[in-house]
Protein backbone atom coordinates (compact mmCIF):
# COMPACT_ATOMS: atom_id res chain seq x y z
CA MET A 1 -2.23 -1.75 12.16
CA ILE A 2 0.35 0.36 14.00
CA ARG A 3 3.70 -1.13 13.10
CA THR A 4 7.20 -1.56 14.42
CA ARG A 5 8.28 0.24 11.27
CA PRO A 6 8.20 4.07 11.13
CA LEU A 7 4.62 3.85 9.87
CA LEU A 8 3.65 1.83 12.92
CA ILE A 9 5.10 4.40 15.29
CA ARG A 10 3.38 7.25 13.44
CA LEU A 11 -0.02 5.70 13.11
CA GLY A 12 -0.56 3.69 16.23
CA ALA A 13 -3.43 1.27 15.36
CA ALA A 14 -5.12 -1.46 13.24
CA LEU A 15 -6.92 -5.25 13.41
CA LEU A 16 -10.55 -8.33 13.46
CA ALA A 17 -13.32 -11.08 14.38
CA LEU A 18 -17.15 -11.89 14.02
CA ALA A 19 -20.28 -14.23 15.32
CA ALA A 20 -23.11 -17.10 14.31
CA PRO A 21 -24.48 -18.67 11.12
CA LEU A 22 -27.99 -19.13 9.85
CA ALA A 23 -29.30 -22.64 9.41
CA VAL A 24 -30.69 -21.78 5.96
CA ALA A 25 -29.18 -23.57 2.97
CA ALA A 26 -26.85 -21.40 0.91
CA PRO A 27 -24.64 -21.55 -2.17
CA SER A 28 -21.36 -23.36 -1.74
CA ALA A 29 -18.08 -21.51 -1.77
CA PRO A 30 -16.60 -20.82 -5.21
CA ALA A 31 -14.95 -23.88 -6.67
CA SER A 32 -11.18 -23.84 -6.46
CA SER A 33 -9.00 -23.99 -9.57
CA ASP A 34 -5.41 -23.50 -10.62
CA SER A 35 -6.20 -19.91 -11.55
CA GLY A 36 -4.74 -17.07 -9.56
CA GLN A 37 -6.74 -14.45 -7.75
CA VAL A 38 -7.31 -10.73 -8.15
CA PHE A 39 -7.79 -9.28 -4.68
CA TYR A 40 -9.96 -6.25 -4.04
CA GLN A 41 -9.12 -4.90 -0.60
CA ILE A 42 -11.81 -2.86 1.11
CA PHE A 43 -11.34 -0.53 4.05
CA PHE A 44 -14.73 -1.49 5.37
CA ARG A 45 -15.90 1.65 7.16
CA SER A 46 -15.32 3.73 4.04
CA PHE A 47 -16.82 1.62 1.25
CA ARG A 48 -20.62 1.88 1.04
CA ASP A 49 -23.29 3.09 3.47
CA SER A 50 -26.79 1.61 3.23
CA ASN A 51 -28.73 3.36 6.00
CA GLY A 52 -27.74 7.03 5.91
CA ASP A 53 -25.39 7.09 8.91
CA ARG A 54 -22.35 7.67 6.65
CA ILE A 55 -20.66 4.47 7.85
CA GLY A 56 -19.86 1.69 5.42
CA ASP A 57 -21.76 -1.47 6.30
CA LEU A 58 -22.47 -5.04 5.27
CA LYS A 59 -25.67 -4.30 3.39
CA GLY A 60 -23.91 -1.53 1.52
CA LEU A 61 -21.09 -3.84 0.47
CA THR A 62 -23.53 -6.57 -0.51
CA SER A 63 -25.36 -4.15 -2.78
CA LYS A 64 -22.12 -3.38 -4.67
CA LEU A 65 -20.78 -6.89 -5.24
CA GLY A 66 -21.74 -6.56 -8.90
CA TYR A 67 -19.43 -3.58 -9.28
CA ILE A 68 -16.48 -5.53 -7.86
CA LYS A 69 -17.23 -8.54 -10.07
CA ASP A 70 -17.57 -6.39 -13.20
CA LEU A 71 -14.26 -4.66 -12.46
CA GLY A 72 -12.52 -8.01 -12.73
CA ALA A 73 -11.74 -8.87 -9.11
CA THR A 74 -12.18 -12.44 -7.91
CA THR A 75 -11.56 -12.12 -4.18
CA LEU A 76 -12.67 -9.70 -1.48
CA LEU A 77 -10.21 -8.86 1.28
CA LEU A 78 -11.96 -7.02 4.10
CA THR A 79 -10.41 -5.05 6.91
CA PRO A 80 -11.68 -6.22 10.32
CA LEU A 81 -15.36 -6.34 11.18
CA GLN A 82 -14.98 -6.99 14.92
CA PRO A 83 -15.97 -4.45 17.59
CA SER A 84 -13.14 -2.13 18.59
CA PRO A 85 -12.77 1.34 20.09
CA TYR A 86 -10.73 2.25 17.00
CA TYR A 87 -12.29 3.26 13.68
CA HIS A 88 -10.24 0.70 11.73
CA ASN A 89 -11.49 -2.14 13.97
CA TYR A 90 -8.08 -3.58 14.72
CA PHE A 91 -7.48 -4.21 18.46
CA ALA A 92 -10.72 -5.95 19.35
CA THR A 93 -13.02 -5.80 22.34
CA ALA A 94 -14.69 -9.03 21.11
CA PHE A 95 -13.62 -11.57 18.53
CA LYS A 96 -16.71 -13.57 17.64
CA ALA A 97 -18.86 -10.54 16.92
CA ILE A 98 -19.64 -7.86 14.34
CA ASP A 99 -19.29 -4.14 14.96
CA PRO A 100 -22.94 -3.03 15.33
CA ALA A 101 -22.25 -0.09 13.01
CA TYR A 102 -21.61 -2.62 10.23
CA GLY A 103 -24.69 -4.74 10.79
CA THR A 104 -25.68 -8.02 12.36
CA MET A 105 -24.50 -11.60 12.08
CA ASP A 106 -27.43 -12.24 9.75
CA ASP A 107 -26.17 -9.40 7.55
CA TYR A 108 -22.69 -10.92 7.58
CA PHE A 109 -23.78 -14.38 6.48
CA ALA A 110 -26.13 -12.88 3.88
CA PHE A 111 -23.10 -11.02 2.49
CA VAL A 112 -20.96 -14.19 2.34
CA ARG A 113 -23.71 -16.09 0.53
CA ALA A 114 -24.23 -13.24 -1.93
CA ALA A 115 -20.49 -13.02 -2.65
CA HIS A 116 -20.24 -16.76 -3.25
CA ALA A 117 -23.32 -16.66 -5.49
CA LYS A 118 -21.44 -14.21 -7.72
CA GLY A 119 -18.34 -16.40 -7.74
CA LEU A 120 -16.38 -14.09 -5.44
CA LYS A 121 -14.17 -15.40 -2.65
CA VAL A 122 -14.04 -13.78 0.78
CA TYR A 123 -10.95 -13.28 2.95
CA LEU A 124 -11.13 -11.92 6.50
CA ASP A 125 -8.39 -9.88 8.11
CA GLU A 126 -7.42 -11.45 11.43
CA GLU A 127 -5.44 -9.80 14.22
CA PHE A 128 -5.76 -11.31 17.66
CA GLN A 129 -2.29 -10.82 19.07
CA TYR A 130 -3.73 -7.92 21.10
CA VAL A 131 -6.93 -6.79 22.79
CA ALA A 132 -8.15 -3.29 23.55
CA GLU A 133 -9.48 -2.00 26.85
CA GLY A 134 -13.04 -3.19 27.21
CA HIS A 135 -12.38 -6.76 26.11
CA SER A 136 -13.96 -9.20 28.58
CA TRP A 137 -10.67 -11.03 29.13
CA TRP A 138 -9.00 -7.84 30.31
CA ARG A 139 -11.96 -6.68 32.40
CA ASP A 140 -12.27 -10.04 34.08
CA ALA A 141 -8.55 -10.48 34.87
CA ILE A 142 -7.38 -7.00 35.86
CA CYS A 143 -5.91 -7.26 39.40
CA ARG A 144 -7.43 -10.74 39.63
CA PRO A 145 -4.67 -13.34 39.13
CA GLN A 146 -7.13 -16.12 40.02
CA SER A 147 -9.50 -15.19 37.18
CA PRO A 148 -10.23 -17.90 34.59
CA HIS A 149 -8.85 -15.45 31.99
CA ALA A 150 -5.80 -14.36 33.97
CA ASP A 151 -3.40 -16.29 31.73
CA TYR A 152 -5.04 -15.10 28.50
CA LEU A 153 -3.00 -11.87 28.60
CA LEU A 154 0.61 -11.03 29.37
CA TRP A 155 1.23 -9.04 32.56
CA ARG A 156 4.05 -6.92 33.91
CA ASP A 157 3.30 -7.62 37.57
CA VAL A 158 2.36 -10.65 39.62
CA LYS A 159 -0.87 -9.02 40.73
CA HIS A 160 -2.03 -8.73 37.11
CA CYS A 161 -2.78 -5.03 37.47
CA VAL A 162 -0.51 -3.86 34.62
CA ALA A 163 -0.97 -5.63 31.29
CA GLU A 164 1.95 -5.91 28.87
CA PRO A 165 1.29 -2.99 26.50
CA PHE A 166 1.52 -2.79 22.75
CA LEU A 167 4.93 -1.33 21.84
CA ASP A 168 5.53 -0.27 25.44
CA ARG A 169 2.97 2.51 25.34
CA ALA A 170 0.20 2.16 27.92
CA LYS A 171 -2.40 4.14 25.95
CA TRP A 172 -2.98 4.83 22.27
CA ARG A 173 -5.09 7.73 21.09
CA GLY A 174 -7.98 7.24 18.71
CA TYR A 175 -9.11 9.72 16.08
CA ASP A 176 -11.93 10.80 18.42
CA GLY A 177 -9.49 11.87 21.15
CA ARG A 178 -9.93 8.90 23.49
CA ASP A 179 -6.82 7.28 24.98
CA ILE A 180 -7.24 3.52 25.01
CA GLY A 181 -5.03 0.75 26.33
CA ILE A 182 -3.87 -2.15 24.16
CA ALA A 183 -2.53 -5.34 25.74
CA MET A 184 -0.61 -8.32 24.35
CA VAL A 185 -2.37 -11.68 24.33
CA ASN A 186 -0.56 -14.71 25.76
CA LEU A 187 -0.35 -16.82 22.62
CA HIS A 188 1.34 -19.67 24.49
CA ASP A 189 -1.62 -20.34 26.76
CA PRO A 190 -3.32 -23.62 25.70
CA ALA A 191 -6.81 -22.18 26.18
CA VAL A 192 -5.94 -19.18 24.02
CA LYS A 193 -4.56 -21.43 21.28
CA ALA A 194 -7.72 -23.53 21.31
CA TYR A 195 -9.95 -20.45 21.30
CA PHE A 196 -8.37 -18.94 18.19
CA ARG A 197 -8.18 -22.28 16.40
CA ASP A 198 -11.90 -22.76 16.97
CA LEU A 199 -12.62 -19.15 16.00
CA LEU A 200 -10.94 -19.48 12.61
CA LEU A 201 -12.54 -22.88 12.05
CA TYR A 202 -15.90 -21.28 12.74
CA TRP A 203 -15.55 -18.52 10.15
CA ALA A 204 -14.17 -21.01 7.60
CA ASP A 205 -16.81 -23.67 8.20
CA PRO A 206 -19.76 -22.25 10.15
CA HIS A 207 -21.86 -25.41 9.78
CA GLY A 208 -19.00 -27.66 10.94
CA ASP A 209 -19.39 -30.12 8.07
CA GLY A 210 -16.33 -29.25 5.96
CA SER A 211 -18.45 -27.85 3.14
CA GLY A 212 -17.35 -24.26 3.57
CA ARG A 213 -20.96 -23.24 3.05
CA ASP A 214 -21.30 -19.68 4.37
CA GLY A 215 -17.59 -19.82 5.24
CA VAL A 216 -14.69 -17.63 4.23
CA ASP A 217 -12.16 -18.78 1.66
CA GLY A 218 -9.04 -17.43 3.29
CA TYR A 219 -7.49 -15.23 5.94
CA ARG A 220 -5.08 -12.35 6.04
CA ILE A 221 -2.94 -12.59 9.17
CA ASP A 222 -2.08 -9.07 10.26
CA HIS A 223 1.35 -8.23 11.69
CA MET A 224 2.49 -11.86 11.68
CA MET A 225 5.72 -12.44 13.61
CA ASP A 226 7.62 -15.34 15.11
CA ASP A 227 8.62 -13.23 18.15
CA LEU A 228 5.81 -10.74 18.59
CA ASP A 229 7.18 -7.19 18.59
CA HIS A 230 10.65 -8.62 19.34
CA LYS A 231 9.90 -8.61 23.06
CA GLY A 232 10.93 -12.19 23.79
CA LEU A 233 7.50 -12.91 25.32
CA ASP A 234 5.31 -14.38 22.57
CA THR A 235 8.07 -16.41 20.91
CA GLN A 236 8.37 -19.32 18.49
CA LEU A 237 4.92 -18.48 17.20
CA PHE A 238 5.47 -20.01 13.76
CA ALA A 239 5.87 -23.52 15.19
CA ASP A 240 3.88 -23.31 18.41
CA PHE A 241 0.91 -21.10 17.52
CA TRP A 242 0.38 -20.51 13.81
CA THR A 243 1.32 -23.87 12.28
CA PRO A 244 -1.08 -25.98 14.41
CA ILE A 245 -3.93 -23.56 13.63
CA PHE A 246 -3.17 -23.60 9.90
CA GLN A 247 -2.99 -27.41 9.94
CA ALA A 248 -6.42 -27.60 11.58
CA LEU A 249 -7.86 -25.22 9.00
CA LYS A 250 -6.41 -27.14 6.05
CA ALA A 251 -7.61 -30.42 7.49
CA ARG A 252 -11.15 -29.04 7.51
CA ARG A 253 -10.94 -26.92 4.35
CA PRO A 254 -8.03 -28.06 2.13
CA GLN A 255 -8.55 -25.25 -0.40
CA LEU A 256 -8.53 -22.47 2.20
CA ARG A 257 -5.58 -20.09 1.82
CA ILE A 258 -3.55 -18.06 4.31
CA LEU A 259 -2.07 -14.66 3.39
CA ALA A 260 0.45 -13.20 5.83
CA GLU A 261 1.22 -9.55 6.26
CA GLN A 262 4.81 -10.32 7.10
CA ALA A 263 6.30 -8.08 9.78
CA GLY A 264 9.30 -6.19 8.50
CA TRP A 265 7.77 -5.95 5.02
CA GLY A 266 10.56 -8.00 3.44
CA TYR A 267 10.40 -10.79 0.86
CA GLY A 268 8.66 -13.12 3.30
CA THR A 269 10.55 -16.36 2.63
CA GLU A 270 10.52 -17.54 6.26
CA PHE A 271 6.79 -16.91 6.46
CA LEU A 272 6.24 -19.07 3.38
CA THR A 273 8.50 -21.82 4.72
CA ARG A 274 8.69 -21.94 8.53
CA GLY A 275 5.44 -19.99 8.89
CA HIS A 276 3.55 -22.30 6.50
CA VAL A 277 1.43 -19.55 4.90
CA ASP A 278 0.42 -19.70 1.25
CA MET A 279 0.96 -16.06 0.31
CA VAL A 280 2.82 -12.95 1.40
CA PHE A 281 2.79 -9.36 0.18
CA ALA A 282 5.42 -8.29 -2.36
CA PHE A 283 6.56 -5.26 -0.35
CA PRO A 284 10.05 -4.87 -1.87
CA LEU A 285 8.60 -5.17 -5.37
CA ARG A 286 6.10 -2.43 -4.57
CA GLY A 287 8.96 -0.16 -3.53
CA ALA A 288 10.69 -0.79 -6.84
CA LEU A 289 7.50 -0.19 -8.85
CA LEU A 290 7.05 3.20 -7.17
CA SER A 291 10.51 4.24 -8.39
CA PHE A 292 9.66 3.69 -12.08
CA ASP A 293 13.33 2.70 -12.38
CA LYS A 294 13.79 -0.25 -14.73
CA THR A 295 16.97 -1.50 -13.04
CA LYS A 296 15.33 -1.52 -9.61
CA ILE A 297 12.18 -3.19 -10.92
CA VAL A 298 14.07 -5.96 -12.71
CA LYS A 299 16.20 -6.58 -9.63
CA ALA A 300 13.11 -6.74 -7.39
CA ILE A 301 11.28 -9.10 -9.76
CA ARG A 302 14.20 -11.51 -9.72
CA ALA A 303 14.70 -11.27 -5.97
CA THR A 304 10.97 -11.85 -5.40
CA ASP A 305 11.00 -14.93 -7.63
CA ALA A 306 14.07 -16.30 -5.84
CA ALA A 307 12.47 -15.75 -2.44
CA THR A 308 9.22 -17.54 -3.33
CA PRO A 309 9.17 -21.36 -3.02
CA ALA A 310 7.29 -23.43 -5.57
CA GLY A 311 3.57 -23.51 -4.87
CA LYS A 312 3.65 -20.25 -2.92
CA THR A 313 2.46 -16.82 -4.08
CA GLN A 314 3.41 -13.17 -3.78
CA VAL A 315 0.55 -10.63 -3.73
CA VAL A 316 1.56 -7.72 -5.96
CA PHE A 317 0.19 -4.31 -5.00
CA LEU A 318 0.68 -0.57 -5.38
CA GLU A 319 -1.25 0.58 -2.33
CA ASN A 320 -3.14 -0.65 0.71
CA HIS A 321 -4.66 0.73 3.91
CA ASP A 322 -1.27 1.28 5.59
CA VAL A 323 0.48 3.33 2.90
CA ASP A 324 -0.09 6.45 0.83
CA ARG A 325 -2.29 6.18 -2.24
CA PHE A 326 -0.41 5.48 -5.47
CA MET A 327 -1.97 8.47 -7.26
CA SER A 328 -0.71 10.79 -4.53
CA LEU A 329 2.78 9.33 -4.70
CA ILE A 330 2.96 9.92 -8.46
CA HIS A 331 1.48 13.43 -8.08
CA GLY A 332 -1.59 12.65 -10.17
CA ASP A 333 0.36 11.71 -13.32
CA PRO A 334 -2.17 9.81 -15.49
CA ALA A 335 0.50 8.17 -17.67
CA LYS A 336 2.31 6.80 -14.62
CA ALA A 337 -1.01 5.64 -13.19
CA ARG A 338 -1.69 3.56 -16.30
CA ALA A 339 1.88 2.26 -16.51
CA GLY A 340 2.01 1.27 -12.84
CA ALA A 341 -1.35 -0.47 -13.07
CA ALA A 342 -0.36 -2.46 -16.16
CA ILE A 343 2.86 -3.70 -14.57
CA ALA A 344 1.28 -4.60 -11.23
CA LEU A 345 -1.67 -6.39 -12.85
CA LEU A 346 0.34 -8.40 -15.38
CA LEU A 347 3.35 -9.51 -13.34
CA LYS A 348 3.60 -13.02 -11.93
CA GLY A 349 1.70 -13.25 -8.65
CA ASP A 350 -1.79 -12.39 -7.48
CA PRO A 351 -2.53 -8.68 -7.90
CA LEU A 352 -4.32 -6.62 -5.28
CA ILE A 353 -6.39 -3.50 -5.93
CA TYR A 354 -7.16 -1.27 -2.96
CA TYR A 355 -10.69 0.14 -3.15
CA GLY A 356 -10.74 3.33 -5.22
CA GLN A 357 -7.29 2.69 -6.70
CA GLU A 358 -9.04 1.96 -9.97
CA LEU A 359 -10.49 5.48 -9.92
CA GLY A 360 -7.24 7.20 -9.01
CA MET A 361 -8.34 8.18 -5.51
CA ARG A 362 -5.76 10.21 -3.62
CA GLY A 363 -4.67 10.17 0.01
CA ALA A 364 -1.40 10.58 1.90
CA GLN A 365 -0.60 10.47 5.58
CA PRO A 366 0.57 13.76 7.11
CA LYS A 367 4.32 14.08 7.55
CA ASN A 368 4.41 16.45 10.53
CA VAL A 369 2.92 14.06 13.08
CA GLY A 370 3.85 14.45 16.73
CA THR A 371 5.77 17.70 16.29
CA SER A 372 5.03 20.77 18.39
CA SER A 373 3.49 22.55 15.40
CA GLY A 374 2.10 19.46 13.71
CA ILE A 375 -0.70 16.94 14.03
CA PRO A 376 -1.08 15.04 17.33
CA LEU A 377 -0.12 11.39 17.27
CA SER A 378 -3.26 9.27 16.90
CA ASP A 379 -4.78 6.76 14.52
CA ALA A 380 -6.32 9.72 12.67
CA THR A 381 -3.09 10.00 10.69
CA GLY A 382 -4.19 6.92 8.75
CA ILE A 383 -7.49 8.43 7.58
CA PRO A 384 -6.35 10.18 4.34
CA PRO A 385 -5.66 6.90 2.44
CA ARG A 386 -8.92 5.53 3.88
CA GLU A 387 -11.42 8.14 2.72
CA ALA A 388 -14.87 7.29 1.35
CA PHE A 389 -15.12 5.40 -1.94
CA ARG A 390 -16.23 7.77 -4.67
CA TRP A 391 -19.47 6.38 -6.05
CA GLN A 392 -20.88 9.73 -7.15
CA ALA A 393 -19.36 13.06 -8.20
CA ASP A 394 -21.03 14.62 -5.15
CA LEU A 395 -19.18 13.50 -2.02
CA ASP A 396 -22.42 14.03 -0.04
CA ALA A 397 -24.51 11.74 -2.26
CA PRO A 398 -26.44 8.92 -0.57
CA GLY A 399 -24.25 5.89 0.04
CA SER A 400 -21.07 7.90 0.55
CA ALA A 401 -19.29 6.65 3.70
CA THR A 402 -17.93 9.96 4.97
CA TRP A 403 -17.84 8.85 8.61
CA TYR A 404 -14.84 11.16 9.25
CA ARG A 405 -16.83 14.33 8.55
CA GLY A 406 -16.44 17.03 11.20
CA ASP A 407 -14.45 19.97 12.44
CA HIS A 408 -11.09 18.19 12.27
CA TRP A 409 -7.99 18.45 10.07
CA PHE A 410 -8.69 15.10 8.39
CA TRP A 411 -12.01 16.43 7.06
CA LYS A 412 -10.91 19.98 6.30
CA ASP A 413 -7.78 18.74 4.51
CA ARG A 414 -9.41 15.75 2.82
CA PHE A 415 -7.97 14.69 -0.50
CA ASN A 416 -11.15 13.74 -2.32
CA ARG A 417 -13.60 16.51 -3.20
CA SER A 418 -16.94 16.72 -4.96
CA HIS A 419 -16.76 17.00 -8.76
CA ASP A 420 -12.98 16.51 -8.87
CA GLY A 421 -13.21 14.05 -11.76
CA VAL A 422 -12.32 11.10 -9.52
CA SER A 423 -15.51 9.12 -9.05
CA LEU A 424 -17.23 6.16 -10.64
CA GLN A 425 -19.99 8.44 -11.94
CA GLU A 426 -17.46 10.69 -13.68
CA GLU A 427 -15.29 7.88 -15.09
CA GLN A 428 -17.50 4.94 -16.03
CA ASP A 429 -18.64 6.41 -19.38
CA ARG A 430 -15.24 7.81 -20.38
CA PRO A 431 -13.30 5.34 -22.55
CA ASP A 432 -10.02 7.02 -21.60
CA SER A 433 -10.60 6.95 -17.82
CA LEU A 434 -8.35 5.13 -15.39
CA TYR A 435 -11.34 3.03 -14.33
CA GLN A 436 -11.79 1.75 -17.88
CA TRP A 437 -8.04 1.06 -18.12
CA TYR A 438 -8.21 -1.19 -15.06
CA ARG A 439 -11.19 -3.03 -16.50
CA THR A 440 -9.39 -3.53 -19.81
CA VAL A 441 -6.18 -4.86 -18.30
CA LEU A 442 -8.04 -7.13 -15.87
CA ALA A 443 -10.15 -8.51 -18.72
CA LEU A 444 -6.91 -9.39 -20.53
CA ARG A 445 -5.58 -11.10 -17.44
CA HIS A 446 -8.65 -13.30 -17.19
CA ALA A 447 -8.84 -14.01 -20.94
CA ARG A 448 -5.23 -15.10 -21.30
CA PRO A 449 -4.15 -18.02 -19.09
CA GLU A 450 -0.46 -17.29 -19.60
CA ILE A 451 -0.95 -14.07 -17.60
CA ASP A 452 -2.97 -15.70 -14.88
CA HIS A 453 -0.63 -18.60 -14.14
CA GLY A 454 2.03 -18.85 -16.85
CA ALA A 455 5.78 -18.47 -16.67
CA GLN A 456 7.50 -15.09 -16.64
CA ARG A 457 10.63 -13.90 -18.43
CA ILE A 458 12.36 -10.54 -18.40
CA LEU A 459 13.40 -9.43 -21.87
CA CYS A 460 15.21 -6.21 -22.92
CA ASP A 461 17.64 -6.93 -20.08
CA ASP A 462 19.86 -3.96 -20.86
CA ASP A 463 20.43 -0.39 -19.75
CA GLY A 464 17.59 0.91 -21.92
CA THR A 465 14.41 2.31 -20.38
CA VAL A 466 11.83 -0.09 -21.84
CA LEU A 467 10.64 -2.76 -19.42
CA CYS A 468 9.75 -5.95 -21.28
CA ILE A 469 7.89 -8.71 -19.44
CA LEU A 470 6.94 -11.88 -21.29
CA ARG A 471 4.25 -14.17 -19.87
CA GLU A 472 4.00 -17.53 -21.59
CA GLN A 473 2.30 -20.89 -21.34
CA GLY A 474 2.90 -23.45 -24.04
CA ARG A 475 2.67 -21.56 -27.33
CA ARG A 476 0.63 -18.72 -25.88
CA ARG A 477 2.47 -15.50 -25.16
CA THR A 478 1.66 -12.03 -23.85
CA LEU A 479 4.32 -9.33 -23.90
CA LEU A 480 4.14 -6.16 -21.81
CA LEU A 481 6.22 -3.20 -22.99
CA VAL A 482 6.50 -0.03 -20.88
CA ASN A 483 8.85 2.88 -21.53
CA LEU A 484 9.88 4.00 -18.05
CA GLY A 485 12.13 6.78 -19.31
CA THR A 486 11.62 10.46 -20.01
CA ARG A 487 12.39 10.20 -23.75
CA ASP A 488 11.08 8.16 -26.65
CA ALA A 489 12.62 4.69 -26.67
CA ARG A 490 12.55 1.49 -28.66
CA PRO A 491 12.62 -1.97 -27.00
CA SER A 492 15.72 -4.01 -27.82
CA LEU A 493 14.16 -7.40 -28.40
CA ASP A 494 15.61 -10.58 -29.83
CA PRO A 495 15.06 -10.47 -33.65
CA VAL A 496 13.97 -14.11 -33.56
CA LEU A 497 11.16 -13.18 -31.19
CA ILE A 498 10.12 -10.32 -33.45
CA ARG A 499 10.12 -12.28 -36.70
CA GLY A 500 9.19 -15.73 -35.49
CA THR A 501 5.77 -15.03 -34.01
CA ALA A 502 2.58 -13.38 -35.25
CA TRP A 503 1.75 -10.70 -32.68
CA ILE A 504 -1.41 -8.67 -32.26
CA ASP A 505 -2.03 -5.55 -30.20
CA LEU A 506 -4.24 -6.70 -27.32
CA ILE A 507 -5.43 -3.20 -26.43
CA ASP A 508 -6.22 -1.98 -29.94
CA ALA A 509 -6.68 -4.87 -32.36
CA SER A 510 -6.80 -2.45 -35.31
CA ALA A 511 -3.34 -1.06 -34.54
CA PRO A 512 -0.18 -2.46 -36.15
CA ALA A 513 1.85 -4.56 -33.75
CA PRO A 514 5.56 -4.24 -34.59
CA LEU A 515 7.39 -5.16 -31.41
CA ASP A 516 10.21 -2.71 -32.04
CA ALA A 517 7.97 0.34 -32.45
CA VAL A 518 9.05 3.49 -30.62
CA LEU A 519 7.31 4.11 -27.30
CA LYS A 520 6.69 7.53 -25.83
CA PRO A 521 7.57 8.14 -22.15
CA MET A 522 5.34 5.99 -19.91
CA GLN A 523 3.59 4.51 -22.93
CA VAL A 524 2.26 0.99 -22.44
CA ARG A 525 1.85 -1.65 -25.13
CA ILE A 526 0.45 -5.10 -24.54
CA VAL A 527 0.80 -7.53 -27.43
CA GLY A 528 0.18 -11.24 -27.68
CA THR A 529 -0.02 -14.28 -29.88
CA ARG A 530 -3.32 -15.31 -31.37
């Protein structure tokens, strides 16, 4: 969404909801286990079109669940599906509904059943701290303080003619040029609290029997704050709003998990403790990974571990819908792409892959936004990292969700082009492709329990350039070695570790596996015990 950080001010938008189940019997939700998750985040509008309108939709996603499963993901994280005047579907005009461009409620529940049948979990992205112009609460209460919905929103005047705006701006421009108001919801109103509690219970347990049949397995809470936007209006939200809702959800579905996008993008400790969520995003660790600086990465790993209470999880990621694509940030360097992926996928925590990351899709937000000679401020600035998933070499092939096509800068200056080598069609049969690298590393993660949920130790803790991460569980060990420097380097490992264990190369079983072998710049080695 638009954020209180610089990104928030530059972008200006983002958030979700949905509508009613079928009475038909369906597969149960995937059984829970002690295993971690591999998230696959999908910017919904851009993933897969099924009907030729160039807009990603539910039937399109359902048809590609096999691709996501085969890649090695376990959990789908969707951006909002609710109706909204904004292309990203944050800032809703209805909460218990599906954007008609995405399909129907029947399509939604068919998707959930299909995902569960393949053993995939489903997380919905929830943002209901705001509503957009057109929402029935706003329409019904504007200049009507006696309306049944008058207390559902926050107002700046006693006549209820001026709603409390998002970030003190009355209107926010969409990519299509429309200026649309966004108002803050009164999260202290008892009726509002009950409404959102019941809404989340509905999506988690549509049949109301605690089975989770046709229900989601978790939620991402967008822009979670204790004092919303630091305005002193929606305050003490951890204790008064979020915690009672989370308690109701866990009482109904004990295995359901809550992932917070913590405002401020810090380590998230207070969200994991006072906020009672299960997971937060490892934002500081991502910043360190982008530096490819061993000292910064080691420091961030340790700080992240220290900030994470027992039983809680950090979601490790390189990119998402709010930031520039990793491949753009590393200027298309294939060695850095492989190194960054290996580290992010093998570190302690649950990794997240943003759709197309596995292909090396590019996309960066423009830097000259709002200047006299630059791009006008609108939510269009977020489109470059949200371009259509590259199924085929031809960007115009059927199924391509190029909804942003037109005579605008975000189409003319698009990052992804036909036959640019960055598509599933062009990469799936190439053993050396980035796509195959992601599949290989994810297969290792699933095959070796010490990676999935074992302990983590930092070795080579010196001023050398080789990052050495040991994952271990009992006698099983996996060791990741990455030379982050610009020159050949040798890891400085404990001789006892080198001599005392029989190691094999987990990427190339035919290769010798001496732990102290020289690594070229950005070279990755993954070795393990038998």
